[in-house]
Amino acid sequence: MMKTVFIAVMAAAAAAASGMGIGRRPPTGEEEAQRQARSVHLHWGGLPDNLAEVVGSVTVTEEQTNSYFMVIGFDGGYMGLQNVMGGHVGIFSVWDPDADGSDFSAKESEVAEARRAKVVYADKLVNVSRFGGEGTGAKTMFGYNWDVGKKTTFRVTAEPEEEGRTLITGYVGNESGEVKIAAISIPGHGNPPTIRQVHSFVEDFWRNGLSKTLVRRAEFTDFAGRSAGEKEFHRASAAMFTGDHNTLMSIDAGPVKGGGFLQTGGDTRNVTVPLRGVFRFE
C-alpha cells in the first residue's frame, strides 16, 4: 500500500477544481487572454490506436494556486494533479458516453440513469460526485501530497463488463507503490473496450487576471500502453504541442528525457517547439 498521505476533500474545493459551471457561455479567446494563462497540451504519438491500458507520469516543476496538471487524458475522461486553493489533490473523471464536453449548460441530473457513468468502486478516502456544465459524468477526487520536483504516475485500464458496459479503472502511484483510485462503469465504449486519443495538459483555472502572469510548468514522461490481449507495452516516442483558443503566446513545450514539458503563463516565450509542432524524444 502506498504510504502517501490522503486528506479529506471539501465539497467547495471539489466544485472549484472541476472548472465547470452550469448555464454559462464559453468565453472567447480574447476574453480568456485577459484573465488566464493559456491551456497547453501534448498529444502522444507512437502508442497503439486502441489501448486496454495506458500509463504516464508527471513531475511538476513550477506550480501556482488553482492549476491542473492533467496527466492521462483520453476520449472518455482524464486524471491528474491539481492545486486547489493552495491544497494538493488528485482527480479522476469519466464522462457519460453521450456527453458533449462543449455543452456548458449540461445538467448531470438530466442524464438518464442507464446512460450515466457510475462509480462502482472508490478508495475509502476518495470523494465521489457527478458533474455538469462541461458535459456530464462521474468525478472522483482525493487529497494527495504531491510535491514539486517529485514524480507521480497514473494508470488507466478499460475492460468489458456484462450488458455491454465498460469498466474504466484509475490508479495513482509513486516510489512507495500504487493505489487504486476508483472504477467507473459506462455503457458501451466498443468491443473490445479501448482507450484512445491519449494526451496531457496544463491548465490555469484561477482565471482572475493575475493568474496569467504566473508560470506553471510540468514534465510528462514514461507514457506507454498496450492493446487488449497483449502483454507488451509500447512506449510513446513523439508528441504534438497544441493550445486552446486563448490567444496568449506565453507558452512553450519541448522534449525532455522520456517525454516532454509544458509551460504556460508569466514571461514564458515560445522558443523551443512551435505551436502545433511535433517533436520526438528518447
C-alpha atoms as a PDB file:
ATOM      1  CA  MET A   1       0.000   0.000   0.000  1.00  0.00           C
ATOM      2  CA  MET A   2       1.397   3.386  -0.934  1.00  0.00           C
ATOM      3  CA  LYS A   3       2.484   5.395   2.107  1.00  0.00           C
ATOM      4  CA  THR A   4       1.306   8.705   0.689  1.00  0.00           C
ATOM      5  CA  VAL A   5      -0.999  10.835   2.829  1.00  0.00           C
ATOM      6  CA  PHE A   6      -4.663  11.183   1.859  1.00  0.00           C
ATOM      7  CA  ILE A   7      -6.750  14.072   3.166  1.00  0.00           C
ATOM      8  CA  ALA A   8     -10.458  14.819   3.056  1.00  0.00           C
ATOM      9  CA  VAL A   9     -11.629  16.946   0.146  1.00  0.00           C
ATOM     10  CA  MET A  10     -14.174  19.605   0.963  1.00  0.00           C
ATOM     11  CA  ALA A  11     -17.168  19.924  -1.329  1.00  0.00           C
ATOM     12  CA  ALA A  12     -16.307  23.546  -2.069  1.00  0.00           C
ATOM     13  CA  ALA A  13     -12.805  22.609  -3.161  1.00  0.00           C
ATOM     14  CA  ALA A  14     -14.129  19.812  -5.314  1.00  0.00           C
ATOM     15  CA  ALA A  15     -16.519  22.169  -7.071  1.00  0.00           C
ATOM     16  CA  ALA A  16     -13.826  24.758  -7.671  1.00  0.00           C
ATOM     17  CA  ALA A  17     -11.412  22.178  -9.018  1.00  0.00           C
ATOM     18  CA  SER A  18     -13.793  20.856 -11.617  1.00  0.00           C
ATOM     19  CA  GLY A  19     -13.538  24.048 -13.665  1.00  0.00           C
ATOM     20  CA  MET A  20     -17.159  23.542 -14.665  1.00  0.00           C
ATOM     21  CA  GLY A  21     -20.203  25.748 -14.345  1.00  0.00           C
ATOM     22  CA  ILE A  22     -23.860  25.449 -15.304  1.00  0.00           C
ATOM     23  CA  GLY A  23     -25.516  27.851 -17.703  1.00  0.00           C
ATOM     24  CA  ARG A  24     -22.514  29.941 -18.755  1.00  0.00           C
ATOM     25  CA  ARG A  25     -21.321  30.563 -22.288  1.00  0.00           C
ATOM     26  CA  PRO A  26     -17.768  29.675 -23.249  1.00  0.00           C
ATOM     27  CA  PRO A  27     -15.501  32.773 -23.244  1.00  0.00           C
ATOM     28  CA  THR A  28     -13.847  33.963 -26.429  1.00  0.00           C
ATOM     29  CA  GLY A  29     -10.108  33.549 -26.941  1.00  0.00           C
ATOM     30  CA  GLU A  30      -9.584  37.267 -26.359  1.00  0.00           C
ATOM     31  CA  GLU A  31     -11.581  37.149 -23.108  1.00  0.00           C
ATOM     32  CA  GLU A  32      -9.536  34.187 -21.901  1.00  0.00           C
ATOM     33  CA  ALA A  33      -6.317  36.059 -22.692  1.00  0.00           C
ATOM     34  CA  GLN A  34      -7.387  38.843 -20.329  1.00  0.00           C
ATOM     35  CA  ARG A  35      -7.945  36.598 -17.324  1.00  0.00           C
ATOM     36  CA  GLN A  36      -5.973  33.323 -17.518  1.00  0.00           C
ATOM     37  CA  ALA A  37      -2.875  31.580 -18.791  1.00  0.00           C
ATOM     38  CA  ARG A  38      -3.393  29.553 -21.930  1.00  0.00           C
ATOM     39  CA  SER A  39      -4.103  25.826 -21.605  1.00  0.00           C
ATOM     40  CA  VAL A  40      -1.441  23.801 -23.422  1.00  0.00           C
ATOM     41  CA  HIS A  41      -1.410  20.129 -24.420  1.00  0.00           C
ATOM     42  CA  LEU A  42       0.782  17.251 -25.535  1.00  0.00           C
ATOM     43  CA  HIS A  43      -0.799  14.591 -27.776  1.00  0.00           C
ATOM     44  CA  TRP A  44       1.208  11.386 -27.518  1.00  0.00           C
ATOM     45  CA  GLY A  45       2.385   9.547 -30.637  1.00  0.00           C
ATOM     46  CA  GLY A  46       3.750   6.047 -31.027  1.00  0.00           C
ATOM     47  CA  LEU A  47       1.096   4.343 -28.894  1.00  0.00           C
ATOM     48  CA  PRO A  48      -1.294   1.738 -30.329  1.00  0.00           C
ATOM     49  CA  ASP A  49      -4.557   3.225 -31.601  1.00  0.00           C
ATOM     50  CA  ASN A  50      -6.797   1.091 -29.393  1.00  0.00           C
ATOM     51  CA  LEU A  51      -5.474   0.664 -25.860  1.00  0.00           C
ATOM     52  CA  ALA A  52      -6.651  -1.504 -22.996  1.00  0.00           C
ATOM     53  CA  GLU A  53      -4.145   0.080 -20.612  1.00  0.00           C
ATOM     54  CA  VAL A  54      -2.037   3.229 -20.569  1.00  0.00           C
ATOM     55  CA  VAL A  55       0.446   4.644 -18.062  1.00  0.00           C
ATOM     56  CA  GLY A  56       2.159   8.032 -17.778  1.00  0.00           C
ATOM     57  CA  SER A  57       3.972  10.209 -15.234  1.00  0.00           C
ATOM     58  CA  VAL A  58       4.207  13.857 -14.292  1.00  0.00           C
ATOM     59  CA  THR A  59       6.798  15.883 -12.417  1.00  0.00           C
ATOM     60  CA  VAL A  60       5.507  19.365 -11.604  1.00  0.00           C
ATOM     61  CA  THR A  61       8.405  21.828 -11.663  1.00  0.00           C
ATOM     62  CA  GLU A  62       6.528  25.100 -11.111  1.00  0.00           C
ATOM     63  CA  GLU A  63       3.041  25.313  -9.600  1.00  0.00           C
ATOM     64  CA  GLN A  64       0.529  28.050  -8.790  1.00  0.00           C
ATOM     65  CA  THR A  65      -2.786  28.204  -6.974  1.00  0.00           C
ATOM     66  CA  ASN A  66      -5.686  26.664  -8.906  1.00  0.00           C
ATOM     67  CA  SER A  67      -3.724  24.746 -11.522  1.00  0.00           C
ATOM     68  CA  TYR A  68      -4.424  21.402 -13.185  1.00  0.00           C
ATOM     69  CA  PHE A  69      -1.592  19.165 -14.368  1.00  0.00           C
ATOM     70  CA  MET A  70      -3.616  16.623 -16.331  1.00  0.00           C
ATOM     71  CA  VAL A  71      -1.541  13.508 -16.939  1.00  0.00           C
ATOM     72  CA  ILE A  72      -3.667  10.949 -18.795  1.00  0.00           C
ATOM     73  CA  GLY A  73      -6.494  12.320 -20.891  1.00  0.00           C
ATOM     74  CA  PHE A  74      -8.392  10.083 -23.287  1.00  0.00           C
ATOM     75  CA  ASP A  75     -11.571  10.091 -25.360  1.00  0.00           C
ATOM     76  CA  GLY A  76     -13.786   9.393 -22.321  1.00  0.00           C
ATOM     77  CA  GLY A  77     -12.101  11.004 -19.327  1.00  0.00           C
ATOM     78  CA  TYR A  78      -8.957  12.231 -17.594  1.00  0.00           C
ATOM     79  CA  MET A  79      -6.826  12.047 -14.452  1.00  0.00           C
ATOM     80  CA  GLY A  80      -4.112  14.177 -12.912  1.00  0.00           C
ATOM     81  CA  LEU A  81      -2.950  16.504 -10.137  1.00  0.00           C
ATOM     82  CA  GLN A  82      -4.426  19.814  -9.033  1.00  0.00           C
ATOM     83  CA  ASN A  83      -3.539  22.691  -6.762  1.00  0.00           C
ATOM     84  CA  VAL A  84      -6.915  23.780  -5.365  1.00  0.00           C
ATOM     85  CA  MET A  85      -6.798  26.937  -3.250  1.00  0.00           C
ATOM     86  CA  GLY A  86      -3.237  26.000  -2.268  1.00  0.00           C
ATOM     87  CA  GLY A  87      -4.033  22.386  -1.374  1.00  0.00           C
ATOM     88  CA  HIS A  88      -2.830  19.355  -3.316  1.00  0.00           C
ATOM     89  CA  VAL A  89      -5.396  16.891  -4.687  1.00  0.00           C
ATOM     90  CA  GLY A  90      -5.807  14.299  -7.409  1.00  0.00           C
ATOM     91  CA  ILE A  91      -8.759  13.894  -9.761  1.00  0.00           C
ATOM     92  CA  PHE A  92     -10.114  11.107 -11.962  1.00  0.00           C
ATOM     93  CA  SER A  93     -13.224  11.834 -14.053  1.00  0.00           C
ATOM     94  CA  VAL A  94     -15.117   9.879 -16.695  1.00  0.00           C
ATOM     95  CA  TRP A  95     -17.760  11.434 -18.932  1.00  0.00           C
ATOM     96  CA  ASP A  96     -21.177   9.995 -19.628  1.00  0.00           C
ATOM     97  CA  PRO A  97     -20.833   8.369 -23.068  1.00  0.00           C
ATOM     98  CA  ASP A  98     -23.309  10.775 -24.698  1.00  0.00           C
ATOM     99  CA  ALA A  99     -21.761  13.896 -23.139  1.00  0.00           C
ATOM    100  CA  ASP A 100     -20.658  16.825 -25.279  1.00  0.00           C
ATOM    101  CA  GLY A 101     -17.789  18.490 -23.437  1.00  0.00           C
ATOM    102  CA  SER A 102     -18.537  21.831 -25.095  1.00  0.00           C
ATOM    103  CA  ASP A 103     -22.077  21.947 -23.635  1.00  0.00           C
ATOM    104  CA  PHE A 104     -21.761  24.492 -20.822  1.00  0.00           C
ATOM    105  CA  SER A 105     -25.480  24.198 -19.988  1.00  0.00           C
ATOM    106  CA  ALA A 106     -25.392  20.428 -19.423  1.00  0.00           C
ATOM    107  CA  LYS A 107     -27.016  19.282 -16.182  1.00  0.00           C
ATOM    108  CA  GLU A 108     -25.956  15.985 -14.666  1.00  0.00           C
ATOM    109  CA  SER A 109     -29.441  15.327 -13.268  1.00  0.00           C
ATOM    110  CA  GLU A 110     -30.975  15.286 -16.768  1.00  0.00           C
ATOM    111  CA  VAL A 111     -28.978  12.247 -17.926  1.00  0.00           C
ATOM    112  CA  ALA A 112     -30.983   9.013 -17.819  1.00  0.00           C
ATOM    113  CA  GLU A 113     -29.764   6.628 -15.129  1.00  0.00           C
ATOM    114  CA  ALA A 114     -28.921   3.911 -17.648  1.00  0.00           C
ATOM    115  CA  ARG A 115     -26.704   6.304 -19.653  1.00  0.00           C
ATOM    116  CA  ARG A 116     -24.623   7.539 -16.732  1.00  0.00           C
ATOM    117  CA  ALA A 117     -21.032   6.865 -15.816  1.00  0.00           C
ATOM    118  CA  LYS A 118     -21.299   5.134 -12.427  1.00  0.00           C
ATOM    119  CA  VAL A 119     -18.624   4.786  -9.756  1.00  0.00           C
ATOM    120  CA  VAL A 120     -18.739   1.118  -8.736  1.00  0.00           C
ATOM    121  CA  TYR A 121     -15.609   1.215  -6.573  1.00  0.00           C
ATOM    122  CA  ALA A 122     -13.740   4.038  -4.831  1.00  0.00           C
ATOM    123  CA  ASP A 123     -10.994   4.076  -2.239  1.00  0.00           C
ATOM    124  CA  LYS A 124     -12.496   4.940   1.152  1.00  0.00           C
ATOM    125  CA  LEU A 125     -10.791   8.345   1.159  1.00  0.00           C
ATOM    126  CA  VAL A 126     -11.975   9.318  -2.325  1.00  0.00           C
ATOM    127  CA  ASN A 127     -14.759  11.899  -2.724  1.00  0.00           C
ATOM    128  CA  VAL A 128     -17.336  10.772  -5.326  1.00  0.00           C
ATOM    129  CA  SER A 129     -19.733  13.102  -7.157  1.00  0.00           C
ATOM    130  CA  ARG A 130     -21.335  13.871 -10.507  1.00  0.00           C
ATOM    131  CA  PHE A 131     -20.564  16.953 -12.577  1.00  0.00           C
ATOM    132  CA  GLY A 132     -22.223  19.061 -15.240  1.00  0.00           C
ATOM    133  CA  GLY A 133     -21.586  22.313 -17.047  1.00  0.00           C
ATOM    134  CA  GLU A 134     -18.922  20.939 -19.395  1.00  0.00           C
ATOM    135  CA  GLY A 135     -20.618  17.784 -20.462  1.00  0.00           C
ATOM    136  CA  THR A 136     -21.700  15.442 -17.656  1.00  0.00           C
ATOM    137  CA  GLY A 137     -20.152  12.494 -15.886  1.00  0.00           C
ATOM    138  CA  ALA A 138     -18.714  10.954 -12.731  1.00  0.00           C
ATOM    139  CA  LYS A 139     -15.892  12.591 -10.769  1.00  0.00           C
ATOM    140  CA  THR A 140     -13.644  11.253  -8.025  1.00  0.00           C
ATOM    141  CA  MET A 141     -11.255  13.463  -6.040  1.00  0.00           C
ATOM    142  CA  PHE A 142      -8.773  12.704  -3.312  1.00  0.00           C
ATOM    143  CA  GLY A 143      -6.282  14.598  -1.198  1.00  0.00           C
ATOM    144  CA  TYR A 144      -2.792  13.663  -2.331  1.00  0.00           C
ATOM    145  CA  ASN A 145       0.519  15.030  -1.062  1.00  0.00           C
ATOM    146  CA  TRP A 146       2.232  15.507  -4.407  1.00  0.00           C
ATOM    147  CA  ASP A 147       5.237  17.806  -4.335  1.00  0.00           C
ATOM    148  CA  VAL A 148       7.104  19.956  -6.818  1.00  0.00           C
ATOM    149  CA  GLY A 149      10.033  18.007  -8.225  1.00  0.00           C
ATOM    150  CA  LYS A 150       8.654  14.558  -7.341  1.00  0.00           C
ATOM    151  CA  LYS A 151       7.272  12.147  -9.921  1.00  0.00           C
ATOM    152  CA  THR A 152       3.686  10.842  -9.768  1.00  0.00           C
ATOM    153  CA  THR A 153       2.474   8.058 -12.060  1.00  0.00           C
ATOM    154  CA  PHE A 154      -1.088   7.450 -13.232  1.00  0.00           C
ATOM    155  CA  ARG A 155      -2.504   4.364 -14.932  1.00  0.00           C
ATOM    156  CA  VAL A 156      -5.893   3.688 -16.530  1.00  0.00           C
ATOM    157  CA  THR A 157      -7.398   0.437 -17.810  1.00  0.00           C
ATOM    158  CA  ALA A 158     -10.512  -0.438 -19.839  1.00  0.00           C
ATOM    159  CA  GLU A 159     -12.162  -3.857 -19.689  1.00  0.00           C
ATOM    160  CA  PRO A 160     -15.524  -5.240 -20.785  1.00  0.00           C
ATOM    161  CA  GLU A 161     -18.410  -5.773 -18.375  1.00  0.00           C
ATOM    162  CA  GLU A 162     -21.672  -7.619 -18.799  1.00  0.00           C
ATOM    163  CA  GLU A 163     -24.637  -5.979 -20.567  1.00  0.00           C
ATOM    164  CA  GLY A 164     -22.403  -4.087 -22.976  1.00  0.00           C
ATOM    165  CA  ARG A 165     -20.780  -1.835 -20.389  1.00  0.00           C
ATOM    166  CA  THR A 166     -17.111  -0.936 -19.911  1.00  0.00           C
ATOM    167  CA  LEU A 167     -15.162  -0.600 -16.672  1.00  0.00           C
ATOM    168  CA  ILE A 168     -12.640   2.263 -16.617  1.00  0.00           C
ATOM    169  CA  THR A 169     -10.264   1.971 -13.648  1.00  0.00           C
ATOM    170  CA  GLY A 170      -7.757   4.577 -12.479  1.00  0.00           C
ATOM    171  CA  TYR A 171      -4.630   4.196 -10.332  1.00  0.00           C
ATOM    172  CA  VAL A 172      -2.081   6.621  -8.850  1.00  0.00           C
ATOM    173  CA  GLY A 173       1.392   5.818  -7.565  1.00  0.00           C
ATOM    174  CA  ASN A 174       4.859   6.961  -6.581  1.00  0.00           C
ATOM    175  CA  GLU A 175       8.086   5.302  -5.481  1.00  0.00           C
ATOM    176  CA  SER A 176       6.257   3.755  -2.492  1.00  0.00           C
ATOM    177  CA  GLY A 177       3.611   1.904  -4.512  1.00  0.00           C
ATOM    178  CA  GLU A 178       0.262   2.287  -6.242  1.00  0.00           C
ATOM    179  CA  VAL A 179      -3.314   2.910  -5.069  1.00  0.00           C
ATOM    180  CA  LYS A 180      -6.498   2.055  -6.950  1.00  0.00           C
ATOM    181  CA  ILE A 181      -8.450   5.324  -7.039  1.00  0.00           C
ATOM    182  CA  ALA A 182     -11.779   4.223  -8.483  1.00  0.00           C
ATOM    183  CA  ALA A 183     -13.531   2.038 -11.041  1.00  0.00           C
ATOM    184  CA  ILE A 184     -16.180   3.731 -13.179  1.00  0.00           C
ATOM    185  CA  SER A 185     -18.671   1.809 -15.317  1.00  0.00           C
ATOM    186  CA  ILE A 186     -20.014   3.300 -18.544  1.00  0.00           C
ATOM    187  CA  PRO A 187     -22.413   1.919 -21.174  1.00  0.00           C
ATOM    188  CA  GLY A 188     -20.839   0.893 -24.482  1.00  0.00           C
ATOM    189  CA  HIS A 189     -17.319   2.002 -25.472  1.00  0.00           C
ATOM    190  CA  GLY A 190     -16.558  -0.641 -28.071  1.00  0.00           C
ATOM    191  CA  ASN A 191     -15.804  -4.322 -28.264  1.00  0.00           C
ATOM    192  CA  PRO A 192     -13.166  -4.760 -27.041  1.00  0.00           C
ATOM    193  CA  PRO A 193     -13.196  -1.560 -24.970  1.00  0.00           C
ATOM    194  CA  THR A 194     -10.452   0.863 -25.954  1.00  0.00           C
ATOM    195  CA  ILE A 195      -8.694   3.978 -24.713  1.00  0.00           C
ATOM    196  CA  ARG A 196      -7.939   6.432 -27.499  1.00  0.00           C
ATOM    197  CA  GLN A 197      -6.556   9.941 -28.103  1.00  0.00           C
ATOM    198  CA  VAL A 198      -4.113   9.950 -25.178  1.00  0.00           C
ATOM    199  CA  HIS A 199      -2.933  13.428 -24.217  1.00  0.00           C
ATOM    200  CA  SER A 200      -1.766  15.626 -21.313  1.00  0.00           C
ATOM    201  CA  PHE A 201      -2.274  19.296 -20.474  1.00  0.00           C
ATOM    202  CA  VAL A 202      -1.569  22.159 -18.069  1.00  0.00           C
ATOM    203  CA  GLU A 203      -4.492  24.438 -17.163  1.00  0.00           C
ATOM    204  CA  ASP A 204      -4.907  27.632 -15.147  1.00  0.00           C
ATOM    205  CA  PHE A 205      -8.396  27.625 -13.590  1.00  0.00           C
ATOM    206  CA  TRP A 206      -7.785  30.550 -11.217  1.00  0.00           C
ATOM    207  CA  ARG A 207      -8.720  32.950 -14.037  1.00  0.00           C
ATOM    208  CA  ASN A 208      -8.527  36.189 -12.061  1.00  0.00           C
ATOM    209  CA  GLY A 209      -6.334  38.268 -14.386  1.00  0.00           C
ATOM    210  CA  LEU A 210      -3.310  37.865 -12.134  1.00  0.00           C
ATOM    211  CA  SER A 211      -3.079  34.153 -12.835  1.00  0.00           C
ATOM    212  CA  LYS A 212      -1.931  34.687 -16.437  1.00  0.00           C
ATOM    213  CA  THR A 213       1.200  36.427 -15.113  1.00  0.00           C
ATOM    214  CA  LEU A 214       2.321  33.319 -13.193  1.00  0.00           C
ATOM    215  CA  VAL A 215       4.297  30.396 -14.628  1.00  0.00           C
ATOM    216  CA  ARG A 216       3.089  26.791 -14.495  1.00  0.00           C
ATOM    217  CA  ARG A 217       5.407  24.050 -15.731  1.00  0.00           C
ATOM    218  CA  ALA A 218       5.459  20.246 -15.690  1.00  0.00           C
ATOM    219  CA  GLU A 219       7.351  17.388 -17.326  1.00  0.00           C
ATOM    220  CA  PHE A 220       5.306  14.458 -18.667  1.00  0.00           C
ATOM    221  CA  THR A 221       7.251  11.229 -19.140  1.00  0.00           C
ATOM    222  CA  ASP A 222       7.189   7.440 -19.442  1.00  0.00           C
ATOM    223  CA  PHE A 223       3.995   7.131 -21.489  1.00  0.00           C
ATOM    224  CA  ALA A 224       3.281   3.602 -22.663  1.00  0.00           C
ATOM    225  CA  GLY A 225       0.277   1.455 -23.484  1.00  0.00           C
ATOM    226  CA  ARG A 226      -0.849  -1.984 -24.556  1.00  0.00           C
ATOM    227  CA  SER A 227      -3.736  -3.232 -26.633  1.00  0.00           C
ATOM    228  CA  ALA A 228      -6.319  -5.757 -25.402  1.00  0.00           C
ATOM    229  CA  GLY A 229      -4.901  -9.278 -25.388  1.00  0.00           C
ATOM    230  CA  GLU A 230      -1.302  -8.053 -25.461  1.00  0.00           C
ATOM    231  CA  LYS A 231       1.230  -8.165 -22.639  1.00  0.00           C
ATOM    232  CA  GLU A 232       3.829  -5.967 -24.296  1.00  0.00           C
ATOM    233  CA  PHE A 233       3.720  -2.223 -23.672  1.00  0.00           C
ATOM    234  CA  HIS A 234       4.592   0.193 -26.492  1.00  0.00           C
ATOM    235  CA  ARG A 235       6.279   3.438 -25.450  1.00  0.00           C
ATOM    236  CA  ALA A 236       5.297   6.841 -26.788  1.00  0.00           C
ATOM    237  CA  SER A 237       8.073   8.290 -28.938  1.00  0.00           C
ATOM    238  CA  ALA A 238       6.715  11.657 -30.084  1.00  0.00           C
ATOM    239  CA  ALA A 239       4.283  14.403 -29.096  1.00  0.00           C
ATOM    240  CA  MET A 240       2.337  17.217 -30.752  1.00  0.00           C
ATOM    241  CA  PHE A 241       2.166  20.584 -28.952  1.00  0.00           C
ATOM    242  CA  THR A 242      -1.194  22.394 -29.076  1.00  0.00           C
ATOM    243  CA  GLY A 243      -3.074  25.087 -27.164  1.00  0.00           C
ATOM    244  CA  ASP A 244      -6.685  26.062 -26.594  1.00  0.00           C
ATOM    245  CA  HIS A 245      -8.300  29.072 -28.285  1.00  0.00           C
ATOM    246  CA  ASN A 246      -6.860  31.548 -25.754  1.00  0.00           C
ATOM    247  CA  THR A 247      -4.761  33.946 -27.845  1.00  0.00           C
ATOM    248  CA  LEU A 248      -1.800  34.352 -25.448  1.00  0.00           C
ATOM    249  CA  MET A 249       1.583  33.174 -26.717  1.00  0.00           C
ATOM    250  CA  SER A 250       3.287  32.993 -23.297  1.00  0.00           C
ATOM    251  CA  ILE A 251       3.580  29.232 -23.814  1.00  0.00           C
ATOM    252  CA  ASP A 252       6.246  26.660 -24.628  1.00  0.00           C
ATOM    253  CA  ALA A 253       6.846  22.921 -24.937  1.00  0.00           C
ATOM    254  CA  GLY A 254       9.601  20.573 -25.968  1.00  0.00           C
ATOM    255  CA  PRO A 255      11.418  17.315 -25.356  1.00  0.00           C
ATOM    256  CA  VAL A 256      12.821  16.025 -22.062  1.00  0.00           C
ATOM    257  CA  LYS A 257      14.248  12.573 -21.409  1.00  0.00           C
ATOM    258  CA  GLY A 258      11.391  10.106 -21.827  1.00  0.00           C
ATOM    259  CA  GLY A 259       8.776  12.682 -22.811  1.00  0.00           C
ATOM    260  CA  GLY A 260       8.090  16.395 -22.976  1.00  0.00           C
ATOM    261  CA  PHE A 261       7.476  19.532 -20.923  1.00  0.00           C
ATOM    262  CA  LEU A 262       4.656  22.064 -20.975  1.00  0.00           C
ATOM    263  CA  GLN A 263       4.922  25.639 -19.695  1.00  0.00           C
ATOM    264  CA  THR A 264       2.417  28.478 -19.678  1.00  0.00           C
ATOM    265  CA  GLY A 265       1.990  31.940 -18.199  1.00  0.00           C
ATOM    266  CA  GLY A 266       4.205  34.732 -16.933  1.00  0.00           C
ATOM    267  CA  ASP A 267       7.264  35.572 -19.022  1.00  0.00           C
ATOM    268  CA  THR A 268       7.228  32.248 -20.907  1.00  0.00           C
ATOM    269  CA  ARG A 269       8.234  32.505 -24.557  1.00  0.00           C
ATOM    270  CA  ASN A 270       7.543  30.005 -27.332  1.00  0.00           C
ATOM    271  CA  VAL A 271      11.201  29.322 -28.160  1.00  0.00           C
ATOM    272  CA  THR A 272      11.511  25.511 -28.118  1.00  0.00           C
ATOM    273  CA  VAL A 273       8.816  23.875 -30.264  1.00  0.00           C
ATOM    274  CA  PRO A 274       6.306  25.970 -32.235  1.00  0.00           C
ATOM    275  CA  LEU A 275       2.595  25.653 -31.532  1.00  0.00           C
ATOM    276  CA  ARG A 276       1.169  22.642 -33.426  1.00  0.00           C
ATOM    277  CA  GLY A 277       4.710  21.346 -33.859  1.00  0.00           C
ATOM    278  CA  VAL A 278       5.667  17.696 -33.413  1.00  0.00           C
ATOM    279  CA  PHE A 279       8.802  16.594 -31.601  1.00  0.00           C
ATOM    280  CA  ARG A 280      10.463  13.265 -30.862  1.00  0.00           C
ATOM    281  CA  PHE A 281      12.199  12.169 -27.654  1.00  0.00           C
ATOM    282  CA  GLU A 282      14.229   9.259 -26.290  1.00  0.00           C
END
